[in-house]
């Protein structure tokens, strides 16, 4: 478990190249949410499950003071190198999002790339408590998650990417347990080198599926105001991605 964030950390940005190319538009939307929903000016941000820092560095590049936290040192090592290369000052911390001990230090807390799906019904309550403590009054928590209409398909998806002179053949498929709202996310990554050798890695993670209504009801037990948005806009019936926005 977590192979994607450990042994494959150096390949993470290549695997998620297409999502990374869209991150600018996502942060444009997040900045709209800061202006629309936060009840204080957002300057200092805690980015939970920051990974290799794709959204974290985008935020830092726009002038925010950002702290990135992740469970995996392998991902943070990549993020720190990127920050140094881009000349950005970001504090990256190794830690568990459920155990952060910040007290009213941030104007916003973010959690991107569907990371909230790793938290089950009990853990998500702990997460909300941790986030609420970290936020200043009027601060906002923003997290995204995919909708049922895209997690439900179980047909394999195959594509390829490149990292330097290596070719990555990636196969994704999903197995859903509707009664338990569990998603078994499976990914085979084959790395081919110019000399023809191949290394293969298997990712098999269990994730939790939440409907917009469930996210709202869970968050309402911890935050004063809660809204759910859709694909970078107000919620619509066939949105493929949801955005939780909760104000302390």
C-alpha atoms as a PDB file:
ATOM      1  CA  UNK A   1       0.000   0.000   0.000  1.00  0.00           C
ATOM      2  CA  UNK A   2       1.067   3.604  -0.736  1.00  0.00           C
ATOM      3  CA  UNK A   3       3.563   2.482  -3.390  1.00  0.00           C
ATOM      4  CA  UNK A   4       2.507   5.476  -5.484  1.00  0.00           C
ATOM      5  CA  UNK A   5       3.803   7.794  -2.758  1.00  0.00           C
ATOM      6  CA  UNK A   6       6.969   5.897  -1.812  1.00  0.00           C
ATOM      7  CA  UNK A   7       8.764   3.781  -4.399  1.00  0.00           C
ATOM      8  CA  UNK A   8       7.107   5.711  -7.248  1.00  0.00           C
ATOM      9  CA  UNK A   9       7.509   9.190  -5.752  1.00  0.00           C
ATOM     10  CA  UNK A  10      10.154  10.148  -8.314  1.00  0.00           C
ATOM     11  CA  UNK A  11       7.683   9.281 -11.087  1.00  0.00           C
ATOM     12  CA  UNK A  12       4.605  10.894  -9.531  1.00  0.00           C
ATOM     13  CA  UNK A  13       4.771  14.126 -11.540  1.00  0.00           C
ATOM     14  CA  UNK A  14       5.180  12.184 -14.779  1.00  0.00           C
ATOM     15  CA  UNK A  15       2.197   9.943 -13.950  1.00  0.00           C
ATOM     16  CA  UNK A  16       0.052  12.981 -13.123  1.00  0.00           C
ATOM     17  CA  UNK A  17       1.371  15.223 -15.890  1.00  0.00           C
ATOM     18  CA  UNK A  18      -2.082  15.879 -17.356  1.00  0.00           C
ATOM     19  CA  UNK A  19      -3.584  16.795 -13.984  1.00  0.00           C
ATOM     20  CA  UNK A  20      -0.588  19.004 -13.260  1.00  0.00           C
ATOM     21  CA  UNK A  21      -1.195  20.895 -16.510  1.00  0.00           C
ATOM     22  CA  UNK A  22      -4.705  21.769 -15.237  1.00  0.00           C
ATOM     23  CA  UNK A  23      -3.644  22.829 -11.759  1.00  0.00           C
ATOM     24  CA  UNK A  24      -3.439  26.501 -12.720  1.00  0.00           C
ATOM     25  CA  UNK A  25      -7.159  26.542 -13.547  1.00  0.00           C
ATOM     26  CA  UNK A  26      -7.937  24.728 -10.303  1.00  0.00           C
ATOM     27  CA  UNK A  27      -6.023  27.288  -8.263  1.00  0.00           C
ATOM     28  CA  UNK A  28      -7.798  30.079 -10.161  1.00  0.00           C
ATOM     29  CA  UNK A  29     -11.041  28.536  -8.864  1.00  0.00           C
ATOM     30  CA  UNK A  30      -9.646  28.107  -5.350  1.00  0.00           C
ATOM     31  CA  UNK A  31      -8.710  31.786  -5.293  1.00  0.00           C
ATOM     32  CA  UNK A  32     -12.313  32.609  -6.235  1.00  0.00           C
ATOM     33  CA  UNK A  33     -13.426  30.506  -3.258  1.00  0.00           C
ATOM     34  CA  UNK A  34     -11.020  32.395  -1.002  1.00  0.00           C
ATOM     35  CA  UNK A  35     -12.636  35.664  -2.082  1.00  0.00           C
ATOM     36  CA  UNK A  36     -16.211  34.370  -2.035  1.00  0.00           C
ATOM     37  CA  UNK A  37     -16.362  32.126   1.027  1.00  0.00           C
ATOM     38  CA  UNK A  38     -13.481  32.863   3.397  1.00  0.00           C
ATOM     39  CA  UNK A  39     -14.362  35.426   6.025  1.00  0.00           C
ATOM     40  CA  UNK A  40     -10.830  36.741   6.311  1.00  0.00           C
ATOM     41  CA  UNK A  41      -8.065  37.611   3.879  1.00  0.00           C
ATOM     42  CA  UNK A  42      -6.196  34.471   2.882  1.00  0.00           C
ATOM     43  CA  UNK A  43      -2.447  34.879   3.068  1.00  0.00           C
ATOM     44  CA  UNK A  44      -1.151  31.850   5.002  1.00  0.00           C
ATOM     45  CA  UNK A  45      -2.166  28.367   3.804  1.00  0.00           C
ATOM     46  CA  UNK A  46      -1.629  24.837   5.114  1.00  0.00           C
ATOM     47  CA  UNK A  47      -1.690  22.326   2.240  1.00  0.00           C
ATOM     48  CA  UNK A  48      -2.372  18.850   3.654  1.00  0.00           C
ATOM     49  CA  UNK A  49      -1.311  15.700   1.773  1.00  0.00           C
ATOM     50  CA  UNK A  50       0.764  18.014  -0.406  1.00  0.00           C
ATOM     51  CA  UNK A  51       2.671  15.215  -2.131  1.00  0.00           C
ATOM     52  CA  UNK A  52       5.261  16.506  -4.575  1.00  0.00           C
ATOM     53  CA  UNK A  53       3.847  19.995  -4.190  1.00  0.00           C
ATOM     54  CA  UNK A  54       2.046  20.457  -7.495  1.00  0.00           C
ATOM     55  CA  UNK A  55      -0.742  22.706  -6.079  1.00  0.00           C
ATOM     56  CA  UNK A  56       1.443  23.825  -3.158  1.00  0.00           C
ATOM     57  CA  UNK A  57       4.031  25.436  -5.411  1.00  0.00           C
ATOM     58  CA  UNK A  58       1.338  26.945  -7.616  1.00  0.00           C
ATOM     59  CA  UNK A  59      -0.075  28.690  -4.541  1.00  0.00           C
ATOM     60  CA  UNK A  60       3.381  29.785  -3.390  1.00  0.00           C
ATOM     61  CA  UNK A  61       4.120  31.149  -6.847  1.00  0.00           C
ATOM     62  CA  UNK A  62       1.061  33.380  -6.520  1.00  0.00           C
ATOM     63  CA  UNK A  63       2.429  34.993  -3.395  1.00  0.00           C
ATOM     64  CA  UNK A  64       0.803  32.981  -0.610  1.00  0.00           C
ATOM     65  CA  UNK A  65       2.785  31.838   2.420  1.00  0.00           C
ATOM     66  CA  UNK A  66       2.356  28.073   2.214  1.00  0.00           C
ATOM     67  CA  UNK A  67       3.213  25.172   4.502  1.00  0.00           C
ATOM     68  CA  UNK A  68       2.998  21.733   2.893  1.00  0.00           C
ATOM     69  CA  UNK A  69       2.500  18.601   4.990  1.00  0.00           C
ATOM     70  CA  UNK A  70       2.646  15.001   3.812  1.00  0.00           C
ATOM     71  CA  UNK A  71       2.869  11.527   5.298  1.00  0.00           C
ATOM     72  CA  UNK A  72       5.620  10.385   2.937  1.00  0.00           C
ATOM     73  CA  UNK A  73       9.171  11.722   3.037  1.00  0.00           C
ATOM     74  CA  UNK A  74       9.786  10.403  -0.467  1.00  0.00           C
ATOM     75  CA  UNK A  75       7.181  12.808  -1.857  1.00  0.00           C
ATOM     76  CA  UNK A  76       8.469  15.699   0.232  1.00  0.00           C
ATOM     77  CA  UNK A  77      11.998  15.180  -1.072  1.00  0.00           C
ATOM     78  CA  UNK A  78      10.709  15.743  -4.616  1.00  0.00           C
ATOM     79  CA  UNK A  79       8.687  18.783  -3.501  1.00  0.00           C
ATOM     80  CA  UNK A  80      11.678  20.390  -1.793  1.00  0.00           C
ATOM     81  CA  UNK A  81      13.856  19.962  -4.892  1.00  0.00           C
ATOM     82  CA  UNK A  82      11.176  21.546  -7.071  1.00  0.00           C
ATOM     83  CA  UNK A  83      10.748  24.486  -4.686  1.00  0.00           C
ATOM     84  CA  UNK A  84      14.494  25.112  -4.680  1.00  0.00           C
ATOM     85  CA  UNK A  85      14.663  24.865  -8.457  1.00  0.00           C
ATOM     86  CA  UNK A  86      11.780  27.334  -8.843  1.00  0.00           C
ATOM     87  CA  UNK A  87      13.160  29.710  -6.223  1.00  0.00           C
ATOM     88  CA  UNK A  88      10.085  29.390  -3.998  1.00  0.00           C
ATOM     89  CA  UNK A  89      10.123  29.539  -0.214  1.00  0.00           C
ATOM     90  CA  UNK A  90       7.845  26.773   1.093  1.00  0.00           C
ATOM     91  CA  UNK A  91       8.080  24.952   4.406  1.00  0.00           C
ATOM     92  CA  UNK A  92       7.523  21.222   3.875  1.00  0.00           C
ATOM     93  CA  UNK A  93       6.727  19.144   6.955  1.00  0.00           C
ATOM     94  CA  UNK A  94       6.630  15.375   7.382  1.00  0.00           C
ATOM     95  CA  UNK A  95       3.523  14.456   9.350  1.00  0.00           C
ATOM     96  CA  UNK A  96       0.063  12.931   9.612  1.00  0.00           C
ATOM     97  CA  UNK A  97      -2.890  15.199   8.804  1.00  0.00           C
ATOM     98  CA  UNK A  98      -4.777  13.642  11.739  1.00  0.00           C
ATOM     99  CA  UNK A  99      -2.085  14.613  14.220  1.00  0.00           C
ATOM    100  CA  UNK A 100      -1.242  18.206  13.339  1.00  0.00           C
ATOM    101  CA  UNK A 101      -0.996  20.465  16.380  1.00  0.00           C
ATOM    102  CA  UNK A 102      -1.384  23.910  14.827  1.00  0.00           C
ATOM    103  CA  UNK A 103      -3.616  26.307  16.779  1.00  0.00           C
ATOM    104  CA  UNK A 104      -5.342  29.013  14.719  1.00  0.00           C
ATOM    105  CA  UNK A 105      -2.287  29.626  12.513  1.00  0.00           C
ATOM    106  CA  UNK A 106      -3.764  29.540   9.001  1.00  0.00           C
ATOM    107  CA  UNK A 107      -6.253  31.519   6.934  1.00  0.00           C
ATOM    108  CA  UNK A 108      -6.931  28.475   4.748  1.00  0.00           C
ATOM    109  CA  UNK A 109      -6.302  24.736   4.752  1.00  0.00           C
ATOM    110  CA  UNK A 110      -6.353  22.843   1.462  1.00  0.00           C
ATOM    111  CA  UNK A 111      -6.363  19.165   0.487  1.00  0.00           C
ATOM    112  CA  UNK A 112      -6.096  18.421  -3.228  1.00  0.00           C
ATOM    113  CA  UNK A 113      -5.990  15.452  -5.610  1.00  0.00           C
ATOM    114  CA  UNK A 114      -8.815  13.484  -3.876  1.00  0.00           C
ATOM    115  CA  UNK A 115      -6.673  12.902  -0.776  1.00  0.00           C
ATOM    116  CA  UNK A 116      -9.747  13.178   1.464  1.00  0.00           C
ATOM    117  CA  UNK A 117     -10.826   9.757   0.123  1.00  0.00           C
ATOM    118  CA  UNK A 118      -8.155   8.093   2.278  1.00  0.00           C
ATOM    119  CA  UNK A 119     -10.147   8.978   5.414  1.00  0.00           C
ATOM    120  CA  UNK A 120     -13.013   6.716   6.491  1.00  0.00           C
ATOM    121  CA  UNK A 121     -16.054   7.852   8.494  1.00  0.00           C
ATOM    122  CA  UNK A 122     -14.141   7.942  11.772  1.00  0.00           C
ATOM    123  CA  UNK A 123     -10.896   9.400  10.449  1.00  0.00           C
ATOM    124  CA  UNK A 124     -12.636  12.170   8.525  1.00  0.00           C
ATOM    125  CA  UNK A 125     -14.104  13.413  11.802  1.00  0.00           C
ATOM    126  CA  UNK A 126     -10.569  13.563  13.227  1.00  0.00           C
ATOM    127  CA  UNK A 127      -9.413  15.343  10.086  1.00  0.00           C
ATOM    128  CA  UNK A 128     -12.111  17.997  10.413  1.00  0.00           C
ATOM    129  CA  UNK A 129     -11.173  18.522  14.072  1.00  0.00           C
ATOM    130  CA  UNK A 130      -7.495  18.957  13.160  1.00  0.00           C
ATOM    131  CA  UNK A 131      -8.322  21.365  10.349  1.00  0.00           C
ATOM    132  CA  UNK A 132     -10.663  23.402  12.519  1.00  0.00           C
ATOM    133  CA  UNK A 133      -7.954  23.815  15.178  1.00  0.00           C
ATOM    134  CA  UNK A 134      -5.419  24.913  12.570  1.00  0.00           C
ATOM    135  CA  UNK A 135      -7.716  27.557  11.068  1.00  0.00           C
ATOM    136  CA  UNK A 136      -8.089  31.083  12.313  1.00  0.00           C
ATOM    137  CA  UNK A 137     -11.692  32.277  12.861  1.00  0.00           C
ATOM    138  CA  UNK A 138     -13.290  32.860   9.480  1.00  0.00           C
ATOM    139  CA  UNK A 139     -10.699  30.665   7.769  1.00  0.00           C
ATOM    140  CA  UNK A 140     -11.704  28.198   5.069  1.00  0.00           C
ATOM    141  CA  UNK A 141     -11.049  24.502   4.362  1.00  0.00           C
ATOM    142  CA  UNK A 142     -11.129  23.348   0.727  1.00  0.00           C
ATOM    143  CA  UNK A 143     -10.887  19.725  -0.474  1.00  0.00           C
ATOM    144  CA  UNK A 144     -11.817  17.974  -3.719  1.00  0.00           C
ATOM    145  CA  UNK A 145     -13.093  14.477  -4.462  1.00  0.00           C
ATOM    146  CA  UNK A 146     -14.374  12.689  -7.592  1.00  0.00           C
ATOM    147  CA  UNK A 147     -18.056  11.874  -8.086  1.00  0.00           C
ATOM    148  CA  UNK A 148     -19.767   8.502  -8.268  1.00  0.00           C
ATOM    149  CA  UNK A 149     -20.154   8.883 -12.020  1.00  0.00           C
ATOM    150  CA  UNK A 150     -16.406   8.473 -12.570  1.00  0.00           C
ATOM    151  CA  UNK A 151     -15.406   6.144  -9.723  1.00  0.00           C
ATOM    152  CA  UNK A 152     -18.031   3.577 -10.680  1.00  0.00           C
ATOM    153  CA  UNK A 153     -16.475   2.407 -13.958  1.00  0.00           C
ATOM    154  CA  UNK A 154     -14.248  -0.660 -13.772  1.00  0.00           C
ATOM    155  CA  UNK A 155     -12.949  -0.847 -17.357  1.00  0.00           C
ATOM    156  CA  UNK A 156      -9.131  -0.598 -17.485  1.00  0.00           C
ATOM    157  CA  UNK A 157      -7.622   2.667 -18.686  1.00  0.00           C
ATOM    158  CA  UNK A 158      -4.181   2.487 -20.293  1.00  0.00           C
ATOM    159  CA  UNK A 159      -1.926   5.401 -21.192  1.00  0.00           C
ATOM    160  CA  UNK A 160       1.762   6.206 -21.364  1.00  0.00           C
ATOM    161  CA  UNK A 161       3.999   9.014 -20.176  1.00  0.00           C
ATOM    162  CA  UNK A 162       7.708   9.755 -20.244  1.00  0.00           C
ATOM    163  CA  UNK A 163      10.267  10.690 -17.610  1.00  0.00           C
ATOM    164  CA  UNK A 164      13.542  11.551 -19.254  1.00  0.00           C
ATOM    165  CA  UNK A 165      14.482   8.614 -21.454  1.00  0.00           C
ATOM    166  CA  UNK A 166      12.175   6.215 -19.601  1.00  0.00           C
ATOM    167  CA  UNK A 167       8.709   5.299 -20.822  1.00  0.00           C
ATOM    168  CA  UNK A 168       5.880   4.664 -18.365  1.00  0.00           C
ATOM    169  CA  UNK A 169       2.990   2.396 -19.330  1.00  0.00           C
ATOM    170  CA  UNK A 170       0.198   2.934 -16.807  1.00  0.00           C
ATOM    171  CA  UNK A 171      -2.908   0.790 -16.395  1.00  0.00           C
ATOM    172  CA  UNK A 172      -5.669   1.911 -14.024  1.00  0.00           C
ATOM    173  CA  UNK A 173      -8.817   0.104 -12.979  1.00  0.00           C
ATOM    174  CA  UNK A 174     -11.273   0.335 -10.125  1.00  0.00           C
ATOM    175  CA  UNK A 175     -13.354  -2.080  -8.129  1.00  0.00           C
ATOM    176  CA  UNK A 176     -16.268  -0.553  -6.220  1.00  0.00           C
ATOM    177  CA  UNK A 177     -18.150  -2.005  -3.257  1.00  0.00           C
ATOM    178  CA  UNK A 178     -21.383   0.041  -3.449  1.00  0.00           C
ATOM    179  CA  UNK A 179     -22.851  -1.213  -0.163  1.00  0.00           C
ATOM    180  CA  UNK A 180     -19.765  -0.036   1.751  1.00  0.00           C
ATOM    181  CA  UNK A 181     -18.917   2.910  -0.529  1.00  0.00           C
ATOM    182  CA  UNK A 182     -15.382   1.611  -0.872  1.00  0.00           C
ATOM    183  CA  UNK A 183     -13.232   2.077  -3.936  1.00  0.00           C
ATOM    184  CA  UNK A 184     -10.318  -0.285  -4.578  1.00  0.00           C
ATOM    185  CA  UNK A 185      -7.990   1.771  -6.766  1.00  0.00           C
ATOM    186  CA  UNK A 186      -5.543  -0.403  -8.676  1.00  0.00           C
ATOM    187  CA  UNK A 187      -2.690   0.819 -10.840  1.00  0.00           C
ATOM    188  CA  UNK A 188       0.035  -1.078 -12.680  1.00  0.00           C
ATOM    189  CA  UNK A 189       3.044   1.074 -13.575  1.00  0.00           C
ATOM    190  CA  UNK A 190       5.589  -0.412 -15.976  1.00  0.00           C
ATOM    191  CA  UNK A 191       8.811   1.541 -16.415  1.00  0.00           C
ATOM    192  CA  UNK A 192      10.744   0.796 -19.604  1.00  0.00           C
ATOM    193  CA  UNK A 193      14.339   1.911 -20.033  1.00  0.00           C
ATOM    194  CA  UNK A 194      16.123   2.469 -23.397  1.00  0.00           C
ATOM    195  CA  UNK A 195      17.996  -0.826 -23.053  1.00  0.00           C
ATOM    196  CA  UNK A 196      14.661  -2.697 -22.999  1.00  0.00           C
ATOM    197  CA  UNK A 197      14.548  -3.600 -19.315  1.00  0.00           C
ATOM    198  CA  UNK A 198      11.220  -3.251 -17.518  1.00  0.00           C
ATOM    199  CA  UNK A 199      10.336  -2.645 -13.869  1.00  0.00           C
ATOM    200  CA  UNK A 200       6.752  -3.095 -12.739  1.00  0.00           C
ATOM    201  CA  UNK A 201       4.983  -1.752  -9.658  1.00  0.00           C
ATOM    202  CA  UNK A 202       1.467  -2.483  -8.450  1.00  0.00           C
ATOM    203  CA  UNK A 203      -0.635   0.060  -6.537  1.00  0.00           C
ATOM    204  CA  UNK A 204      -3.653  -1.244  -4.611  1.00  0.00           C
ATOM    205  CA  UNK A 205      -5.299   1.338  -2.344  1.00  0.00           C
ATOM    206  CA  UNK A 206      -8.655   1.268  -0.572  1.00  0.00           C
ATOM    207  CA  UNK A 207     -10.434   4.609  -0.713  1.00  0.00           C
ATOM    208  CA  UNK A 208     -13.725   5.954   0.630  1.00  0.00           C
ATOM    209  CA  UNK A 209     -16.472   7.343  -1.584  1.00  0.00           C
ATOM    210  CA  UNK A 210     -18.515  10.295  -0.345  1.00  0.00           C
ATOM    211  CA  UNK A 211     -21.525  11.885  -2.013  1.00  0.00           C
ATOM    212  CA  UNK A 212     -21.817  15.692  -1.892  1.00  0.00           C
ATOM    213  CA  UNK A 213     -24.634  15.397   0.633  1.00  0.00           C
ATOM    214  CA  UNK A 214     -22.570  13.125   2.896  1.00  0.00           C
ATOM    215  CA  UNK A 215     -19.582  15.466   2.791  1.00  0.00           C
ATOM    216  CA  UNK A 216     -21.792  18.418   3.656  1.00  0.00           C
ATOM    217  CA  UNK A 217     -23.507  16.630   6.557  1.00  0.00           C
ATOM    218  CA  UNK A 218     -20.198  15.375   7.979  1.00  0.00           C
ATOM    219  CA  UNK A 219     -18.575  18.793   7.738  1.00  0.00           C
ATOM    220  CA  UNK A 220     -21.551  20.610   9.236  1.00  0.00           C
ATOM    221  CA  UNK A 221     -20.799  18.939  12.550  1.00  0.00           C
ATOM    222  CA  UNK A 222     -17.499  20.849  12.711  1.00  0.00           C
ATOM    223  CA  UNK A 223     -17.784  24.078  10.707  1.00  0.00           C
ATOM    224  CA  UNK A 224     -20.138  27.093  10.800  1.00  0.00           C
ATOM    225  CA  UNK A 225     -20.737  27.208   7.047  1.00  0.00           C
ATOM    226  CA  UNK A 226     -20.418  24.434   4.476  1.00  0.00           C
ATOM    227  CA  UNK A 227     -20.900  24.515   0.706  1.00  0.00           C
ATOM    228  CA  UNK A 228     -20.320  21.990  -2.065  1.00  0.00           C
ATOM    229  CA  UNK A 229     -19.228  23.138  -5.520  1.00  0.00           C
ATOM    230  CA  UNK A 230     -18.928  21.166  -8.748  1.00  0.00           C
ATOM    231  CA  UNK A 231     -16.401  21.181 -11.590  1.00  0.00           C
ATOM    232  CA  UNK A 232     -14.917  24.624 -10.912  1.00  0.00           C
ATOM    233  CA  UNK A 233     -18.392  26.154 -10.613  1.00  0.00           C
ATOM    234  CA  UNK A 234     -21.631  25.943  -8.646  1.00  0.00           C
ATOM    235  CA  UNK A 235     -22.802  22.357  -8.110  1.00  0.00           C
ATOM    236  CA  UNK A 236     -24.617  20.792 -11.083  1.00  0.00           C
ATOM    237  CA  UNK A 237     -26.291  17.364 -11.482  1.00  0.00           C
ATOM    238  CA  UNK A 238     -23.610  15.717 -13.624  1.00  0.00           C
ATOM    239  CA  UNK A 239     -20.422  17.162 -12.179  1.00  0.00           C
ATOM    240  CA  UNK A 240     -17.478  14.790 -12.186  1.00  0.00           C
ATOM    241  CA  UNK A 241     -15.628  16.399  -9.286  1.00  0.00           C
ATOM    242  CA  UNK A 242     -16.833  17.975  -6.057  1.00  0.00           C
ATOM    243  CA  UNK A 243     -15.251  20.684  -3.937  1.00  0.00           C
ATOM    244  CA  UNK A 244     -15.956  20.871  -0.216  1.00  0.00           C
ATOM    245  CA  UNK A 245     -15.728  24.417   1.178  1.00  0.00           C
ATOM    246  CA  UNK A 246     -16.076  24.783   4.953  1.00  0.00           C
ATOM    247  CA  UNK A 247     -15.668  27.946   7.034  1.00  0.00           C
ATOM    248  CA  UNK A 248     -14.631  27.975  10.705  1.00  0.00           C
END
